[in-house]
Amino acid sequence: MPRFLSRLAVAGTATALAAGLITPTTAQAAARPGGRAGALRWTALGDSYTAGVIEATGEETAPRDGCARTVESYPEIIRRDLGSLVALRNVSCSGATTDAVDAHAQSPLGRPLPPLGTDPNAPYPPVPPQIDAVDPATDLVTVGIGGNDLGFAEILKGCIELGAVRLGQGTPCKDKFDAGLPDRFARLRNDYDRMLTALHAKAPSARVLTVGYPHLVPEDAALCQYGNPLQFGTFTTGDLAWARTALLEPLNALIARDSAAHGDTFVDLYRAGAGHSVCDADHWLDGVLTSILPLEYAVVHPNATGQAHTAALVEDAVLGG
C-alpha cells in the first residue's frame, strides 16, 4: 500500500517536481498572472466519491454550494499533504455525471443524500460544468466519474427495496436491471471518451489521472449480513455478487481502457481495496448508514479511512508520474 508522504518527504520531492511535472511551459507561465509560481496547477473533478459528502468524511468545505466537498476527501487530504507545491481547484460534486463534468450545469443535492435524507438547505442553485475550472494553464486534472451514469443510486435503492420484498432470497435486483446494463455501459463508453477528449482540448498540456471506484463488495458476498444497515441493508447475497461482477468490475475496466486509449493514467482503487469492502472488519467504505446512534447516513461511500487510502494512491500517481 502506498505510503503518505511526511512533510520532510514532501519537501524532498520539491526539486524533482519543479524540474518535471510542475515546471510550466512558457505559454503556461504567461497565462498565470494570479497563480503561485512553481505550484502544480491541479483541478479535481468528480462525483461524491471524490467530493466526500458523508459525515464520516468531515465537515464541508467552502463554498457550501450543495456539492458537499468535505475536509477528509482525498483532494483536500492531498492539498494539505503537498502544501504550497499544489494550487488546487476542487470542483467535484455529489451526484455528478460525465455530462456534469464537460457539458451542462448541475443542480447539487447537498447532504444527507436522498433517498435516505434531504439537505435542509436544498434546493441549491446550479453549479457550472466542472470543466469550466480547467484552462490551458492547468498542469494536472484528476477525475473520478461514471457511477452515476450507470445509475448507482437507482440500483442501490432498487436492490434494497426488492431484497426486502423477497426477504433476502434470490436475485430480484439482477432480474430487474441486468438486461439494461449493456445499454448503460455503451452510453458511458461514449460519454467517458467525449469527456476525456474535451478535457485534453481544454488543457492540452495537462496530465490527466482517472480515478476508479473502490472495492465496495467483498469477493465472498456471503460475508455481508442481510438486513444490516451498516452494510448493504436488505440487498440479497446474490444481488451483491451480481453488483460486484456485472457493475463495479466492468465499470473500472471501462475507465481503465478508455484512459489508456487517451494516454491517461488510471488510478486503480479496486485492487488495493480488496479485503476492505463495506462488509469487511477493516472497512474503507461505510454501508447504508455510518452509525445508527447517532443516525448518520453513508449511502455506501468511502469513509475517512477509505479517502485517506485513495489520497495515498492518487498522490503516489502524481509524484511518481
Protein backbone atom coordinates (compact mmCIF):
# COMPACT_ATOMS: atom_id res chain seq x y z
CA MET A 1 0.00 0.00 0.00
CA PRO A 2 1.44 3.40 -0.93
CA ARG A 3 2.58 5.48 1.99
CA PHE A 4 1.66 9.01 2.85
CA LEU A 5 4.43 11.46 2.37
CA SER A 6 5.64 13.11 5.53
CA ARG A 7 6.32 16.82 5.43
CA LEU A 8 10.05 16.07 5.16
CA ALA A 9 9.45 13.68 2.29
CA VAL A 10 7.24 16.23 0.57
CA ALA A 11 9.99 18.81 0.89
CA GLY A 12 12.40 16.32 -0.61
CA THR A 13 10.25 15.91 -3.70
CA ALA A 14 10.01 19.62 -4.42
CA THR A 15 13.15 19.71 -6.55
CA ALA A 16 12.01 16.77 -8.66
CA LEU A 17 8.56 18.24 -9.10
CA ALA A 18 9.92 21.62 -10.02
CA ALA A 19 12.21 20.02 -12.60
CA GLY A 20 9.44 17.94 -14.12
CA LEU A 21 5.70 17.83 -13.65
CA ILE A 22 5.07 21.26 -12.23
CA THR A 23 7.53 23.31 -14.30
CA PRO A 24 5.31 25.45 -16.54
CA THR A 25 5.90 25.92 -20.22
CA THR A 26 6.50 29.45 -21.41
CA ALA A 27 2.90 29.65 -22.63
CA GLN A 28 1.55 28.32 -19.32
CA ALA A 29 3.66 30.76 -17.31
CA ALA A 30 2.30 33.66 -19.35
CA ALA A 31 -1.25 32.50 -18.58
CA ARG A 32 -0.71 32.53 -14.78
CA PRO A 33 -0.77 36.10 -13.56
CA GLY A 34 -2.50 35.13 -10.32
CA GLY A 35 -1.02 31.70 -9.68
CA ARG A 36 1.66 30.64 -7.20
CA ALA A 37 5.00 30.43 -9.01
CA GLY A 38 6.05 26.82 -9.49
CA ALA A 39 2.95 25.32 -7.88
CA LEU A 40 1.26 22.43 -9.63
CA ARG A 41 -1.98 23.77 -11.09
CA TRP A 42 -4.37 20.94 -10.27
CA THR A 43 -8.10 20.68 -10.91
CA ALA A 44 -10.03 17.88 -9.17
CA LEU A 45 -13.21 16.74 -10.91
CA GLY A 46 -15.63 14.00 -9.97
CA ASP A 47 -18.72 12.79 -8.15
CA SER A 48 -19.46 12.09 -4.49
CA TYR A 49 -16.66 9.51 -4.24
CA THR A 50 -14.28 12.40 -4.88
CA ALA A 51 -16.21 15.13 -3.06
CA GLY A 52 -16.53 13.12 0.16
CA VAL A 53 -20.13 14.08 1.02
CA ILE A 54 -20.87 11.89 4.01
CA GLU A 55 -20.50 12.94 7.65
CA ALA A 56 -17.82 10.28 8.11
CA THR A 57 -15.52 12.38 5.91
CA GLY A 58 -15.83 15.50 8.00
CA GLU A 59 -17.21 18.99 7.64
CA GLU A 60 -18.00 20.57 4.31
CA THR A 61 -15.51 22.95 2.77
CA ALA A 62 -16.35 26.38 1.40
CA PRO A 63 -18.20 27.26 -0.70
CA ARG A 64 -21.19 25.32 0.62
CA ASP A 65 -22.90 25.11 -2.73
CA GLY A 66 -24.61 21.75 -2.31
CA CYS A 67 -21.75 19.74 -3.81
CA ALA A 68 -20.77 18.61 -0.29
CA ARG A 69 -17.00 18.60 -0.66
CA THR A 70 -15.52 17.61 2.69
CA VAL A 71 -12.29 18.19 4.58
CA GLU A 72 -11.36 14.49 4.59
CA SER A 73 -11.96 13.89 0.89
CA TYR A 74 -8.87 12.81 -1.00
CA PRO A 75 -8.29 16.09 -2.89
CA GLU A 76 -8.34 18.01 0.38
CA ILE A 77 -6.02 15.50 2.07
CA ILE A 78 -3.51 15.83 -0.78
CA ARG A 79 -3.86 19.61 -0.72
CA ARG A 80 -2.78 19.58 2.94
CA ASP A 81 -0.08 16.97 2.36
CA LEU A 82 1.62 18.77 -0.53
CA GLY A 83 1.02 22.26 0.78
CA SER A 84 2.48 25.01 -1.40
CA LEU A 85 3.54 22.51 -4.06
CA VAL A 86 -0.03 22.46 -5.40
CA ALA A 87 -2.66 25.03 -6.27
CA LEU A 88 -5.87 23.01 -6.17
CA ARG A 89 -9.26 23.86 -7.66
CA ASN A 90 -11.61 21.19 -6.29
CA VAL A 91 -14.94 21.36 -8.13
CA SER A 92 -16.05 17.76 -7.58
CA CYS A 93 -19.74 17.49 -6.81
CA SER A 94 -22.07 14.93 -5.32
CA GLY A 95 -24.37 13.43 -7.94
CA ALA A 96 -22.18 14.42 -10.89
CA THR A 97 -22.16 12.51 -14.17
CA THR A 98 -19.82 12.82 -17.13
CA ASP A 99 -22.30 15.32 -18.55
CA ALA A 100 -21.89 17.50 -15.46
CA VAL A 101 -18.13 17.42 -15.98
CA ASP A 102 -17.91 18.52 -19.61
CA ALA A 103 -21.28 19.73 -20.84
CA HIS A 104 -24.02 21.06 -18.57
CA ALA A 105 -24.67 22.73 -15.24
CA GLN A 106 -25.68 20.51 -12.33
CA SER A 107 -28.22 21.06 -9.56
CA PRO A 108 -26.45 19.66 -6.47
CA LEU A 109 -28.24 17.74 -3.74
CA GLY A 110 -26.21 18.65 -0.63
CA ARG A 111 -26.21 16.22 2.26
CA PRO A 112 -27.58 13.95 3.50
CA LEU A 113 -28.23 12.34 0.15
CA PRO A 114 -31.69 11.23 -0.98
CA PRO A 115 -33.44 8.85 -0.66
CA LEU A 116 -32.41 8.49 2.98
CA GLY A 117 -32.37 12.17 3.77
CA THR A 118 -32.76 15.66 2.37
CA ASP A 119 -30.45 18.63 2.92
CA PRO A 120 -32.41 21.27 4.84
CA ASN A 121 -30.70 23.98 2.77
CA ALA A 122 -31.76 22.48 -0.57
CA PRO A 123 -32.54 23.31 -3.29
CA TYR A 124 -29.23 24.82 -4.31
CA PRO A 125 -28.55 26.94 -7.40
CA PRO A 126 -26.98 25.07 -10.32
CA VAL A 127 -23.19 24.84 -10.44
CA PRO A 128 -21.40 25.23 -13.78
CA PRO A 129 -19.88 22.31 -15.68
CA GLN A 130 -16.76 21.20 -13.87
CA ILE A 131 -14.64 21.64 -16.99
CA ASP A 132 -15.02 25.40 -16.53
CA ALA A 133 -12.36 25.10 -13.80
CA VAL A 134 -9.87 23.72 -16.34
CA ASP A 135 -7.83 26.03 -18.57
CA PRO A 136 -4.69 25.95 -20.75
CA ALA A 137 -2.51 26.69 -17.70
CA THR A 138 -3.72 23.56 -15.86
CA ASP A 139 -0.91 21.06 -15.18
CA LEU A 140 -2.94 18.20 -13.72
CA VAL A 141 -6.53 17.02 -13.91
CA THR A 142 -7.88 14.22 -11.71
CA VAL A 143 -11.34 12.91 -12.48
CA GLY A 144 -13.41 10.25 -10.71
CA ILE A 145 -16.71 9.78 -12.51
CA GLY A 146 -19.01 7.19 -14.10
CA GLY A 147 -21.01 5.59 -11.30
CA ASN A 148 -23.93 7.98 -11.59
CA ASP A 149 -24.00 7.50 -15.37
CA LEU A 150 -24.74 3.84 -14.67
CA GLY A 151 -27.38 4.71 -12.08
CA PHE A 152 -25.60 3.75 -8.86
CA ALA A 153 -28.21 5.44 -6.65
CA GLU A 154 -31.17 3.99 -8.58
CA ILE A 155 -29.73 0.49 -8.46
CA LEU A 156 -28.80 0.75 -4.77
CA LYS A 157 -32.32 1.86 -3.89
CA GLY A 158 -33.89 -0.82 -6.08
CA CYS A 159 -31.76 -3.61 -4.66
CA ILE A 160 -32.59 -2.64 -1.08
CA GLU A 161 -36.32 -2.44 -1.78
CA LEU A 162 -36.51 -5.63 -3.84
CA GLY A 163 -34.36 -7.54 -1.39
CA ALA A 164 -36.74 -6.58 1.42
CA VAL A 165 -39.75 -7.82 -0.55
CA ARG A 166 -38.00 -11.11 -1.29
CA LEU A 167 -36.77 -11.48 2.30
CA GLY A 168 -33.18 -11.86 1.15
CA GLN A 169 -33.82 -14.63 -1.34
CA GLY A 170 -32.82 -14.84 -4.98
CA THR A 171 -31.56 -12.07 -7.26
CA PRO A 172 -34.51 -9.70 -7.72
CA CYS A 173 -32.27 -6.70 -8.44
CA LYS A 174 -30.31 -8.55 -11.09
CA ASP A 175 -33.60 -9.71 -12.58
CA LYS A 176 -34.76 -6.09 -12.87
CA PHE A 177 -31.61 -4.29 -14.00
CA ASP A 178 -29.30 -6.78 -15.71
CA ALA A 179 -30.84 -6.63 -19.17
CA GLY A 180 -30.43 -2.86 -19.27
CA LEU A 181 -26.77 -2.76 -18.28
CA PRO A 182 -25.30 -3.19 -21.80
CA ASP A 183 -27.06 -0.02 -22.96
CA ARG A 184 -25.92 1.88 -19.85
CA PHE A 185 -22.33 0.81 -20.40
CA ALA A 186 -22.50 1.66 -24.10
CA ARG A 187 -23.65 5.20 -23.29
CA LEU A 188 -20.97 5.57 -20.65
CA ARG A 189 -18.23 4.45 -23.06
CA ASN A 190 -19.26 7.18 -25.49
CA ASP A 191 -19.67 9.80 -22.77
CA TYR A 192 -16.40 8.99 -21.00
CA ASP A 193 -14.49 9.20 -24.27
CA ARG A 194 -16.17 12.52 -25.08
CA MET A 195 -15.31 13.86 -21.63
CA LEU A 196 -11.62 12.94 -21.84
CA THR A 197 -11.42 14.40 -25.34
CA ALA A 198 -12.91 17.66 -24.04
CA LEU A 199 -10.50 17.80 -21.08
CA HIS A 200 -7.47 17.36 -23.32
CA ALA A 201 -8.76 20.02 -25.69
CA LYS A 202 -9.28 22.48 -22.81
CA ALA A 203 -5.89 21.78 -21.18
CA PRO A 204 -3.63 20.31 -23.87
CA SER A 205 -0.50 20.34 -21.66
CA ALA A 206 -2.16 18.81 -18.61
CA ARG A 207 -1.59 15.32 -17.30
CA VAL A 208 -4.89 13.53 -16.68
CA LEU A 209 -5.36 10.95 -13.92
CA THR A 210 -8.61 8.98 -13.94
CA VAL A 211 -9.64 7.58 -10.56
CA GLY A 212 -11.59 4.32 -10.45
CA TYR A 213 -14.06 3.03 -7.89
CA PRO A 214 -13.16 1.14 -4.71
CA HIS A 215 -13.85 -2.43 -3.64
CA LEU A 216 -17.40 -1.98 -2.34
CA VAL A 217 -18.49 -5.63 -2.25
CA PRO A 218 -16.30 -8.46 -0.88
CA GLU A 219 -15.24 -11.34 -3.11
CA ASP A 220 -17.47 -13.53 -0.95
CA ALA A 221 -20.79 -11.69 -0.78
CA ALA A 222 -21.92 -14.05 1.98
CA LEU A 223 -19.74 -12.01 4.35
CA CYS A 224 -22.41 -9.32 4.23
CA GLN A 225 -25.20 -9.62 6.79
CA TYR A 226 -28.70 -9.38 5.38
CA GLY A 227 -30.66 -6.58 7.00
CA ASN A 228 -27.63 -4.83 8.48
CA PRO A 229 -27.98 -1.07 7.74
CA LEU A 230 -24.28 -0.58 8.49
CA GLN A 231 -23.63 -2.77 5.47
CA PHE A 232 -25.94 -3.14 2.44
CA GLY A 233 -29.24 -3.34 4.30
CA THR A 234 -31.63 -5.75 2.59
CA PHE A 235 -29.55 -6.48 -0.51
CA THR A 236 -29.67 -10.20 -1.20
CA THR A 237 -26.40 -12.12 -1.31
CA GLY A 238 -26.99 -12.99 -4.95
CA ASP A 239 -27.57 -9.36 -5.89
CA LEU A 240 -24.39 -8.27 -4.12
CA ALA A 241 -22.36 -10.80 -6.08
CA TRP A 242 -24.05 -9.56 -9.27
CA ALA A 243 -23.32 -5.92 -8.44
CA ARG A 244 -19.64 -6.71 -7.99
CA THR A 245 -19.15 -8.72 -11.18
CA ALA A 246 -21.67 -7.04 -13.50
CA LEU A 247 -21.44 -3.42 -12.37
CA LEU A 248 -18.35 -2.48 -10.36
CA GLU A 249 -15.67 -4.55 -12.05
CA PRO A 250 -16.80 -3.73 -15.61
CA LEU A 251 -17.02 -0.04 -14.67
CA ASN A 252 -13.40 0.01 -13.53
CA ALA A 253 -12.36 -1.93 -16.64
CA LEU A 254 -14.14 0.59 -18.87
CA ILE A 255 -12.42 3.53 -17.19
CA ALA A 256 -9.02 1.82 -17.41
CA ARG A 257 -9.43 1.02 -21.12
CA ASP A 258 -10.64 4.47 -22.08
CA SER A 259 -7.91 6.11 -20.03
CA ALA A 260 -5.25 4.05 -21.80
CA ALA A 261 -6.73 4.95 -25.18
CA HIS A 262 -6.25 8.64 -24.36
CA GLY A 263 -2.78 8.16 -22.91
CA ASP A 264 -4.00 8.91 -19.40
CA THR A 265 -3.09 7.30 -16.07
CA PHE A 266 -5.69 5.11 -14.37
CA VAL A 267 -5.56 5.02 -10.56
CA ASP A 268 -6.86 1.59 -9.56
CA LEU A 269 -8.61 1.74 -6.19
CA TYR A 270 -10.32 -1.63 -6.61
CA ARG A 271 -7.33 -3.94 -6.38
CA ALA A 272 -5.78 -2.06 -3.45
CA GLY A 273 -9.09 -2.20 -1.56
CA ALA A 274 -9.51 -5.98 -1.58
CA GLY A 275 -10.28 -7.06 1.98
CA HIS A 276 -11.58 -3.59 2.87
CA SER A 277 -15.11 -3.65 1.46
CA VAL A 278 -18.23 -2.41 3.24
CA CYS A 279 -18.61 -5.85 4.83
CA ASP A 280 -15.01 -6.40 5.97
CA ALA A 281 -13.93 -5.71 9.54
CA ASP A 282 -11.35 -3.18 8.33
CA HIS A 283 -13.76 -1.44 6.00
CA TRP A 284 -12.75 1.59 3.96
CA LEU A 285 -16.35 2.27 2.98
CA ASP A 286 -19.48 2.61 5.08
CA GLY A 287 -22.78 1.00 4.17
CA VAL A 288 -26.26 2.44 4.03
CA LEU A 289 -25.53 4.05 7.40
CA THR A 290 -22.29 5.00 9.12
CA SER A 291 -23.95 4.71 12.51
CA ILE A 292 -27.41 4.13 13.95
CA LEU A 293 -27.00 6.18 17.13
CA PRO A 294 -26.39 8.92 16.24
CA LEU A 295 -28.06 8.42 12.89
CA GLU A 296 -25.50 9.14 10.16
CA TYR A 297 -26.11 8.34 6.51
CA ALA A 298 -23.41 6.97 4.23
CA VAL A 299 -25.34 5.52 1.26
CA VAL A 300 -22.32 3.28 0.51
CA HIS A 301 -19.43 5.77 0.29
CA PRO A 302 -15.78 5.78 1.33
CA ASN A 303 -15.23 6.77 4.95
CA ALA A 304 -12.28 8.84 6.15
CA THR A 305 -10.00 5.79 6.09
CA GLY A 306 -11.03 5.00 2.53
CA GLN A 307 -10.49 8.58 1.42
CA ALA A 308 -7.04 8.53 3.05
CA HIS A 309 -6.06 5.40 1.13
CA THR A 310 -7.36 6.94 -2.09
CA ALA A 311 -5.30 10.04 -1.37
CA ALA A 312 -2.19 7.88 -0.96
CA LEU A 313 -2.74 6.17 -4.32
CA VAL A 314 -3.52 9.40 -6.17
CA GLU A 315 -0.62 11.20 -4.52
CA ASP A 316 1.78 8.46 -5.49
CA ALA A 317 0.49 8.61 -9.08
CA VAL A 318 1.06 12.37 -9.14
CA LEU A 319 4.57 12.21 -7.67
CA GLY A 320 5.56 9.06 -9.48
CA GLY A 321 4.47 10.30 -12.89
